[in-house]
Amino acid sequence: MIRKRFLDVYRRDILKEAEAQGTQAIKDGNRAAHHGDAVGDASLYEFGLREDEFLLFDIYGFSAREILSLSKC
């Protein structure tokens, strides 16, 4: 959703394509970008896509492993 949002925002803001204004991809991407969740964020660390786990702990108060184990309860 976020990548689709990025491409439509590029079309809207850089290419000035009027039909890209307010597309569903932008709306969906905004929801994904601005209303994320701990499990989704923890997955980034679990799959090695991020290494700054201190940031995750600062935001949620748990490590990636703790968040993922709690989500299985």
PDB file of N, CA and C in Angstrom:
ATOM      1  N   MET A   1       0.812  -1.193   0.000  1.00  0.00           N
ATOM      2  CA  MET A   1       0.000   0.000   0.000  1.00  0.00           C
ATOM      3  C   MET A   1       0.858   1.261   0.000  1.00  0.00           C
ATOM      4  N   ILE A   2       1.929   1.210   0.772  1.00  0.00           N
ATOM      5  CA  ILE A   2       2.775   2.407   0.859  1.00  0.00           C
ATOM      6  C   ILE A   2       3.489   2.663  -0.456  1.00  0.00           C
ATOM      7  N   ARG A   3       3.921   1.606  -1.132  1.00  0.00           N
ATOM      8  CA  ARG A   3       4.619   1.806  -2.413  1.00  0.00           C
ATOM      9  C   ARG A   3       3.645   2.302  -3.482  1.00  0.00           C
ATOM     10  N   LYS A   4       2.424   1.795  -3.486  1.00  0.00           N
ATOM     11  CA  LYS A   4       1.428   2.306  -4.417  1.00  0.00           C
ATOM     12  C   LYS A   4       1.159   3.780  -4.130  1.00  0.00           C
ATOM     13  N   ARG A   5       1.093   4.120  -2.850  1.00  0.00           N
ATOM     14  CA  ARG A   5       0.895   5.515  -2.450  1.00  0.00           C
ATOM     15  C   ARG A   5       2.029   6.374  -2.979  1.00  0.00           C
ATOM     16  N   PHE A   6       3.252   5.910  -2.796  1.00  0.00           N
ATOM     17  CA  PHE A   6       4.416   6.667  -3.250  1.00  0.00           C
ATOM     18  C   PHE A   6       4.311   6.985  -4.741  1.00  0.00           C
ATOM     19  N   LEU A   7       3.967   5.987  -5.528  1.00  0.00           N
ATOM     20  CA  LEU A   7       3.900   6.186  -6.977  1.00  0.00           C
ATOM     21  C   LEU A   7       2.776   7.146  -7.366  1.00  0.00           C
ATOM     22  N   ASP A   8       1.620   7.030  -6.715  1.00  0.00           N
ATOM     23  CA  ASP A   8       0.533   7.950  -7.032  1.00  0.00           C
ATOM     24  C   ASP A   8       0.821   9.372  -6.547  1.00  0.00           C
ATOM     25  N   VAL A   9       1.487   9.497  -5.411  1.00  0.00           N
ATOM     26  CA  VAL A   9       1.875  10.839  -4.944  1.00  0.00           C
ATOM     27  C   VAL A   9       2.880  11.452  -5.915  1.00  0.00           C
ATOM     28  N   TYR A  10       3.778  10.655  -6.438  1.00  0.00           N
ATOM     29  CA  TYR A  10       4.728  11.145  -7.447  1.00  0.00           C
ATOM     30  C   TYR A  10       3.970  11.641  -8.684  1.00  0.00           C
ATOM     31  N   ARG A  11       3.030  10.826  -9.147  1.00  0.00           N
ATOM     32  CA  ARG A  11       2.227  11.252 -10.296  1.00  0.00           C
ATOM     33  C   ARG A  11       1.494  12.555  -9.997  1.00  0.00           C
ATOM     34  N   ARG A  12       0.941  12.659  -8.798  1.00  0.00           N
ATOM     35  CA  ARG A  12       0.173  13.842  -8.421  1.00  0.00           C
ATOM     36  C   ARG A  12       1.058  15.073  -8.250  1.00  0.00           C
ATOM     37  N   ASP A  13       2.153  14.930  -7.482  1.00  0.00           N
ATOM     38  CA  ASP A  13       2.957  16.093  -7.089  1.00  0.00           C
ATOM     39  C   ASP A  13       4.048  16.459  -8.082  1.00  0.00           C
ATOM     40  N   ILE A  14       4.664  15.482  -8.699  1.00  0.00           N
ATOM     41  CA  ILE A  14       5.786  15.754  -9.603  1.00  0.00           C
ATOM     42  C   ILE A  14       5.307  15.881 -11.047  1.00  0.00           C
ATOM     43  N   LEU A  15       4.507  14.926 -11.484  1.00  0.00           N
ATOM     44  CA  LEU A  15       4.030  14.944 -12.868  1.00  0.00           C
ATOM     45  C   LEU A  15       2.778  15.797 -13.048  1.00  0.00           C
ATOM     46  N   LYS A  16       2.200  16.233 -11.928  1.00  0.00           N
ATOM     47  CA  LYS A  16       1.013  17.108 -11.934  1.00  0.00           C
ATOM     48  C   LYS A  16      -0.167  16.500 -12.686  1.00  0.00           C
ATOM     49  N   GLU A  17      -0.343  15.181 -12.540  1.00  0.00           N
ATOM     50  CA  GLU A  17      -1.463  14.504 -13.183  1.00  0.00           C
ATOM     51  C   GLU A  17      -2.705  14.648 -12.301  1.00  0.00           C
ATOM     52  N   ALA A  18      -3.672  15.342 -12.806  1.00  0.00           N
ATOM     53  CA  ALA A  18      -4.880  15.629 -12.033  1.00  0.00           C
ATOM     54  C   ALA A  18      -5.624  14.364 -11.615  1.00  0.00           C
ATOM     55  N   GLU A  19      -5.610  13.336 -12.458  1.00  0.00           N
ATOM     56  CA  GLU A  19      -6.354  12.121 -12.116  1.00  0.00           C
ATOM     57  C   GLU A  19      -5.743  11.361 -10.944  1.00  0.00           C
ATOM     58  N   ALA A  20      -4.536  11.737 -10.536  1.00  0.00           N
ATOM     59  CA  ALA A  20      -3.900  11.093  -9.390  1.00  0.00           C
ATOM     60  C   ALA A  20      -4.325  11.729  -8.067  1.00  0.00           C
ATOM     61  N   GLN A  21      -5.079  12.800  -8.116  1.00  0.00           N
ATOM     62  CA  GLN A  21      -5.534  13.474  -6.900  1.00  0.00           C
ATOM     63  C   GLN A  21      -6.448  12.557  -6.101  1.00  0.00           C
ATOM     64  N   GLY A  22      -6.114  12.328  -4.854  1.00  0.00           N
ATOM     65  CA  GLY A  22      -6.992  11.585  -3.961  1.00  0.00           C
ATOM     66  C   GLY A  22      -7.312  10.168  -4.368  1.00  0.00           C
ATOM     67  N   THR A  23      -6.402   9.490  -5.033  1.00  0.00           N
ATOM     68  CA  THR A  23      -6.678   8.112  -5.436  1.00  0.00           C
ATOM     69  C   THR A  23      -6.832   7.214  -4.211  1.00  0.00           C
ATOM     70  N   GLN A  24      -7.457   6.083  -4.412  1.00  0.00           N
ATOM     71  CA  GLN A  24      -7.626   5.123  -3.323  1.00  0.00           C
ATOM     72  C   GLN A  24      -6.267   4.642  -2.822  1.00  0.00           C
ATOM     73  N   ALA A  25      -5.289   4.523  -3.709  1.00  0.00           N
ATOM     74  CA  ALA A  25      -3.947   4.085  -3.292  1.00  0.00           C
ATOM     75  C   ALA A  25      -3.333   5.082  -2.316  1.00  0.00           C
ATOM     76  N   ILE A  26      -3.551   6.367  -2.543  1.00  0.00           N
ATOM     77  CA  ILE A  26      -3.027   7.379  -1.624  1.00  0.00           C
ATOM     78  C   ILE A  26      -3.739   7.276  -0.276  1.00  0.00           C
ATOM     79  N   LYS A  27      -5.041   7.113  -0.299  1.00  0.00           N
ATOM     80  CA  LYS A  27      -5.804   6.989   0.953  1.00  0.00           C
ATOM     81  C   LYS A  27      -5.389   5.742   1.728  1.00  0.00           C
ATOM     82  N   ASP A  28      -5.295   4.609   1.031  1.00  0.00           N
ATOM     83  CA  ASP A  28      -4.894   3.362   1.684  1.00  0.00           C
ATOM     84  C   ASP A  28      -3.469   3.447   2.216  1.00  0.00           C
ATOM     85  N   GLY A  29      -2.590   4.040   1.413  1.00  0.00           N
ATOM     86  CA  GLY A  29      -1.199   4.195   1.835  1.00  0.00           C
ATOM     87  C   GLY A  29      -1.066   5.096   3.037  1.00  0.00           C
ATOM     88  N   ASN A  30      -1.873   6.144   3.090  1.00  0.00           N
ATOM     89  CA  ASN A  30      -1.845   7.028   4.255  1.00  0.00           C
ATOM     90  C   ASN A  30      -2.247   6.277   5.514  1.00  0.00           C
ATOM     91  N   ARG A  31      -3.267   5.438   5.404  1.00  0.00           N
ATOM     92  CA  ARG A  31      -3.675   4.640   6.562  1.00  0.00           C
ATOM     93  C   ARG A  31      -2.545   3.705   6.992  1.00  0.00           C
ATOM     94  N   ALA A  32      -1.910   3.064   6.038  1.00  0.00           N
ATOM     95  CA  ALA A  32      -0.819   2.140   6.364  1.00  0.00           C
ATOM     96  C   ALA A  32       0.369   2.887   6.962  1.00  0.00           C
ATOM     97  N   ALA A  33       0.666   4.056   6.425  1.00  0.00           N
ATOM     98  CA  ALA A  33       1.825   4.823   6.886  1.00  0.00           C
ATOM     99  C   ALA A  33       1.593   5.457   8.249  1.00  0.00           C
ATOM    100  N   HIS A  34       0.386   5.919   8.487  1.00  0.00           N
ATOM    101  CA  HIS A  34       0.134   6.698   9.694  1.00  0.00           C
ATOM    102  C   HIS A  34      -0.553   5.924  10.802  1.00  0.00           C
ATOM    103  N   HIS A  35      -0.988   4.720  10.500  1.00  0.00           N
ATOM    104  CA  HIS A  35      -1.672   3.914  11.511  1.00  0.00           C
ATOM    105  C   HIS A  35      -1.086   2.507  11.527  1.00  0.00           C
ATOM    106  N   GLY A  36       0.224   2.441  11.639  1.00  0.00           N
ATOM    107  CA  GLY A  36       0.901   1.153  11.669  1.00  0.00           C
ATOM    108  C   GLY A  36       0.632   0.419  12.966  1.00  0.00           C
ATOM    109  N   ASP A  37       1.216  -0.730  13.116  1.00  0.00           N
ATOM    110  CA  ASP A  37       1.017  -1.475  14.353  1.00  0.00           C
ATOM    111  C   ASP A  37       2.312  -2.124  14.793  1.00  0.00           C
ATOM    112  N   ALA A  38       2.345  -2.508  16.044  1.00  0.00           N
ATOM    113  CA  ALA A  38       3.552  -3.061  16.644  1.00  0.00           C
ATOM    114  C   ALA A  38       3.988  -4.356  15.966  1.00  0.00           C
ATOM    115  N   VAL A  39       3.042  -5.215  15.632  1.00  0.00           N
ATOM    116  CA  VAL A  39       3.385  -6.502  15.008  1.00  0.00           C
ATOM    117  C   VAL A  39       4.012  -6.272  13.633  1.00  0.00           C
ATOM    118  N   GLY A  40       3.430  -5.386  12.855  1.00  0.00           N
ATOM    119  CA  GLY A  40       4.005  -5.069  11.548  1.00  0.00           C
ATOM    120  C   GLY A  40       5.404  -4.491  11.677  1.00  0.00           C
ATOM    121  N   ASP A  41       5.574  -3.598  12.634  1.00  0.00           N
ATOM    122  CA  ASP A  41       6.892  -3.002  12.847  1.00  0.00           C
ATOM    123  C   ASP A  41       7.902  -4.050  13.322  1.00  0.00           C
ATOM    124  N   ALA A  42       7.486  -4.905  14.255  1.00  0.00           N
ATOM    125  CA  ALA A  42       8.384  -5.938  14.779  1.00  0.00           C
ATOM    126  C   ALA A  42       8.812  -6.904  13.681  1.00  0.00           C
ATOM    127  N   SER A  43       7.945  -7.151  12.737  1.00  0.00           N
ATOM    128  CA  SER A  43       8.277  -8.056  11.639  1.00  0.00           C
ATOM    129  C   SER A  43       9.471  -7.543  10.825  1.00  0.00           C
ATOM    130  N   LEU A  44       9.606  -6.246  10.727  1.00  0.00           N
ATOM    131  CA  LEU A  44      10.754  -5.684   9.994  1.00  0.00           C
ATOM    132  C   LEU A  44      12.067  -6.105  10.640  1.00  0.00           C
ATOM    133  N   TYR A  45      12.083  -6.178  11.953  1.00  0.00           N
ATOM    134  CA  TYR A  45      13.298  -6.583  12.672  1.00  0.00           C
ATOM    135  C   TYR A  45      13.486  -8.090  12.594  1.00  0.00           C
ATOM    136  N   GLU A  46      12.395  -8.813  12.695  1.00  0.00           N
ATOM    137  CA  GLU A  46      12.449 -10.280  12.624  1.00  0.00           C
ATOM    138  C   GLU A  46      13.021 -10.751  11.287  1.00  0.00           C
ATOM    139  N   PHE A  47      12.688 -10.048  10.209  1.00  0.00           N
ATOM    140  CA  PHE A  47      13.166 -10.422   8.876  1.00  0.00           C
ATOM    141  C   PHE A  47      14.474  -9.745   8.499  1.00  0.00           C
ATOM    142  N   GLY A  48      15.074  -9.016   9.448  1.00  0.00           N
ATOM    143  CA  GLY A  48      16.369  -8.393   9.200  1.00  0.00           C
ATOM    144  C   GLY A  48      16.321  -7.164   8.305  1.00  0.00           C
ATOM    145  N   LEU A  49      15.145  -6.555   8.170  1.00  0.00           N
ATOM    146  CA  LEU A  49      15.023  -5.372   7.327  1.00  0.00           C
ATOM    147  C   LEU A  49      15.396  -4.092   8.071  1.00  0.00           C
ATOM    148  N   ARG A  50      15.474  -4.174   9.393  1.00  0.00           N
ATOM    149  CA  ARG A  50      15.927  -3.054  10.220  1.00  0.00           C
ATOM    150  C   ARG A  50      16.805  -3.619  11.319  1.00  0.00           C
ATOM    151  N   GLU A  51      17.731  -2.788  11.802  1.00  0.00           N
ATOM    152  CA  GLU A  51      18.642  -3.224  12.859  1.00  0.00           C
ATOM    153  C   GLU A  51      18.612  -2.318  14.083  1.00  0.00           C
ATOM    154  N   ASP A  52      17.888  -1.233  14.033  1.00  0.00           N
ATOM    155  CA  ASP A  52      17.845  -0.272  15.137  1.00  0.00           C
ATOM    156  C   ASP A  52      16.710  -0.592  16.110  1.00  0.00           C
ATOM    157  N   GLU A  53      16.811  -1.765  16.719  1.00  0.00           N
ATOM    158  CA  GLU A  53      15.719  -2.248  17.559  1.00  0.00           C
ATOM    159  C   GLU A  53      15.487  -1.368  18.788  1.00  0.00           C
ATOM    160  N   PHE A  54      16.473  -0.581  19.154  1.00  0.00           N
ATOM    161  CA  PHE A  54      16.278   0.355  20.265  1.00  0.00           C
ATOM    162  C   PHE A  54      15.095   1.282  19.968  1.00  0.00           C
ATOM    163  N   LEU A  55      14.907   1.612  18.706  1.00  0.00           N
ATOM    164  CA  LEU A  55      13.808   2.480  18.304  1.00  0.00           C
ATOM    165  C   LEU A  55      12.461   1.800  18.562  1.00  0.00           C
ATOM    166  N   LEU A  56      12.367   0.542  18.214  1.00  0.00           N
ATOM    167  CA  LEU A  56      11.153  -0.232  18.454  1.00  0.00           C
ATOM    168  C   LEU A  56      10.852  -0.275  19.953  1.00  0.00           C
ATOM    169  N   PHE A  57      11.886  -0.515  20.757  1.00  0.00           N
ATOM    170  CA  PHE A  57      11.706  -0.574  22.207  1.00  0.00           C
ATOM    171  C   PHE A  57      11.284   0.788  22.750  1.00  0.00           C
ATOM    172  N   ASP A  58      11.839   1.853  22.206  1.00  0.00           N
ATOM    173  CA  ASP A  58      11.503   3.203  22.647  1.00  0.00           C
ATOM    174  C   ASP A  58      10.035   3.517  22.356  1.00  0.00           C
ATOM    175  N   ILE A  59       9.538   3.063  21.229  1.00  0.00           N
ATOM    176  CA  ILE A  59       8.151   3.344  20.832  1.00  0.00           C
ATOM    177  C   ILE A  59       7.162   2.467  21.608  1.00  0.00           C
ATOM    178  N   TYR A  60       7.436   1.169  21.682  1.00  0.00           N
ATOM    179  CA  TYR A  60       6.459   0.225  22.222  1.00  0.00           C
ATOM    180  C   TYR A  60       6.801  -0.322  23.610  1.00  0.00           C
ATOM    181  N   GLY A  61       8.044  -0.194  24.041  1.00  0.00           N
ATOM    182  CA  GLY A  61       8.434  -0.725  25.339  1.00  0.00           C
ATOM    183  C   GLY A  61       8.719  -2.212  25.345  1.00  0.00           C
ATOM    184  N   PHE A  62       8.808  -2.803  24.162  1.00  0.00           N
ATOM    185  CA  PHE A  62       9.078  -4.230  24.023  1.00  0.00           C
ATOM    186  C   PHE A  62      10.052  -4.450  22.870  1.00  0.00           C
ATOM    187  N   SER A  63      10.765  -5.568  22.923  1.00  0.00           N
ATOM    188  CA  SER A  63      11.624  -5.959  21.807  1.00  0.00           C
ATOM    189  C   SER A  63      10.764  -6.579  20.714  1.00  0.00           C
ATOM    190  N   ALA A  64      11.327  -6.759  19.547  1.00  0.00           N
ATOM    191  CA  ALA A  64      10.599  -7.388  18.438  1.00  0.00           C
ATOM    192  C   ALA A  64      10.151  -8.796  18.827  1.00  0.00           C
ATOM    193  N   ARG A  65      11.020  -9.533  19.451  1.00  0.00           N
ATOM    194  CA  ARG A  65      10.689 -10.904  19.854  1.00  0.00           C
ATOM    195  C   ARG A  65       9.515 -10.910  20.854  1.00  0.00           C
ATOM    196  N   GLU A  66       9.536  -9.961  21.800  1.00  0.00           N
ATOM    197  CA  GLU A  66       8.448  -9.892  22.775  1.00  0.00           C
ATOM    198  C   GLU A  66       7.113  -9.528  22.099  1.00  0.00           C
ATOM    199  N   ILE A  67       7.155  -8.572  21.218  1.00  0.00           N
ATOM    200  CA  ILE A  67       5.943  -8.153  20.514  1.00  0.00           C
ATOM    201  C   ILE A  67       5.368  -9.316  19.719  1.00  0.00           C
ATOM    202  N   LEU A  68       6.225 -10.007  19.002  1.00  0.00           N
ATOM    203  CA  LEU A  68       5.745 -11.116  18.166  1.00  0.00           C
ATOM    204  C   LEU A  68       5.226 -12.269  19.017  1.00  0.00           C
ATOM    205  N   SER A  69       5.848 -12.510  20.159  1.00  0.00           N
ATOM    206  CA  SER A  69       5.345 -13.596  21.018  1.00  0.00           C
ATOM    207  C   SER A  69       4.012 -13.217  21.646  1.00  0.00           C
ATOM    208  N   LEU A  70       3.827 -11.940  22.002  1.00  0.00           N
ATOM    209  CA  LEU A  70       2.549 -11.493  22.549  1.00  0.00           C
ATOM    210  C   LEU A  70       1.434 -11.557  21.515  1.00  0.00           C
ATOM    211  N   SER A  71       1.776 -11.360  20.262  1.00  0.00           N
ATOM    212  CA  SER A  71       0.756 -11.371  19.219  1.00  0.00           C
ATOM    213  C   SER A  71       0.220 -12.779  18.966  1.00  0.00           C
ATOM    214  N   LYS A  72       0.921 -13.791  19.430  1.00  0.00           N
ATOM    215  CA  LYS A  72       0.494 -15.177  19.231  1.00  0.00           C
ATOM    216  C   LYS A  72      -0.402 -15.668  20.344  1.00  0.00           C
ATOM    217  N   CYS A  73      -0.599 -14.830  21.377  1.00  0.00           N
ATOM    218  CA  CYS A  73      -1.432 -15.234  22.526  1.00  0.00           C
ATOM    219  C   CYS A  73      -2.892 -15.235  22.177  1.00  0.00           C
TER     220      CYS A  73
END
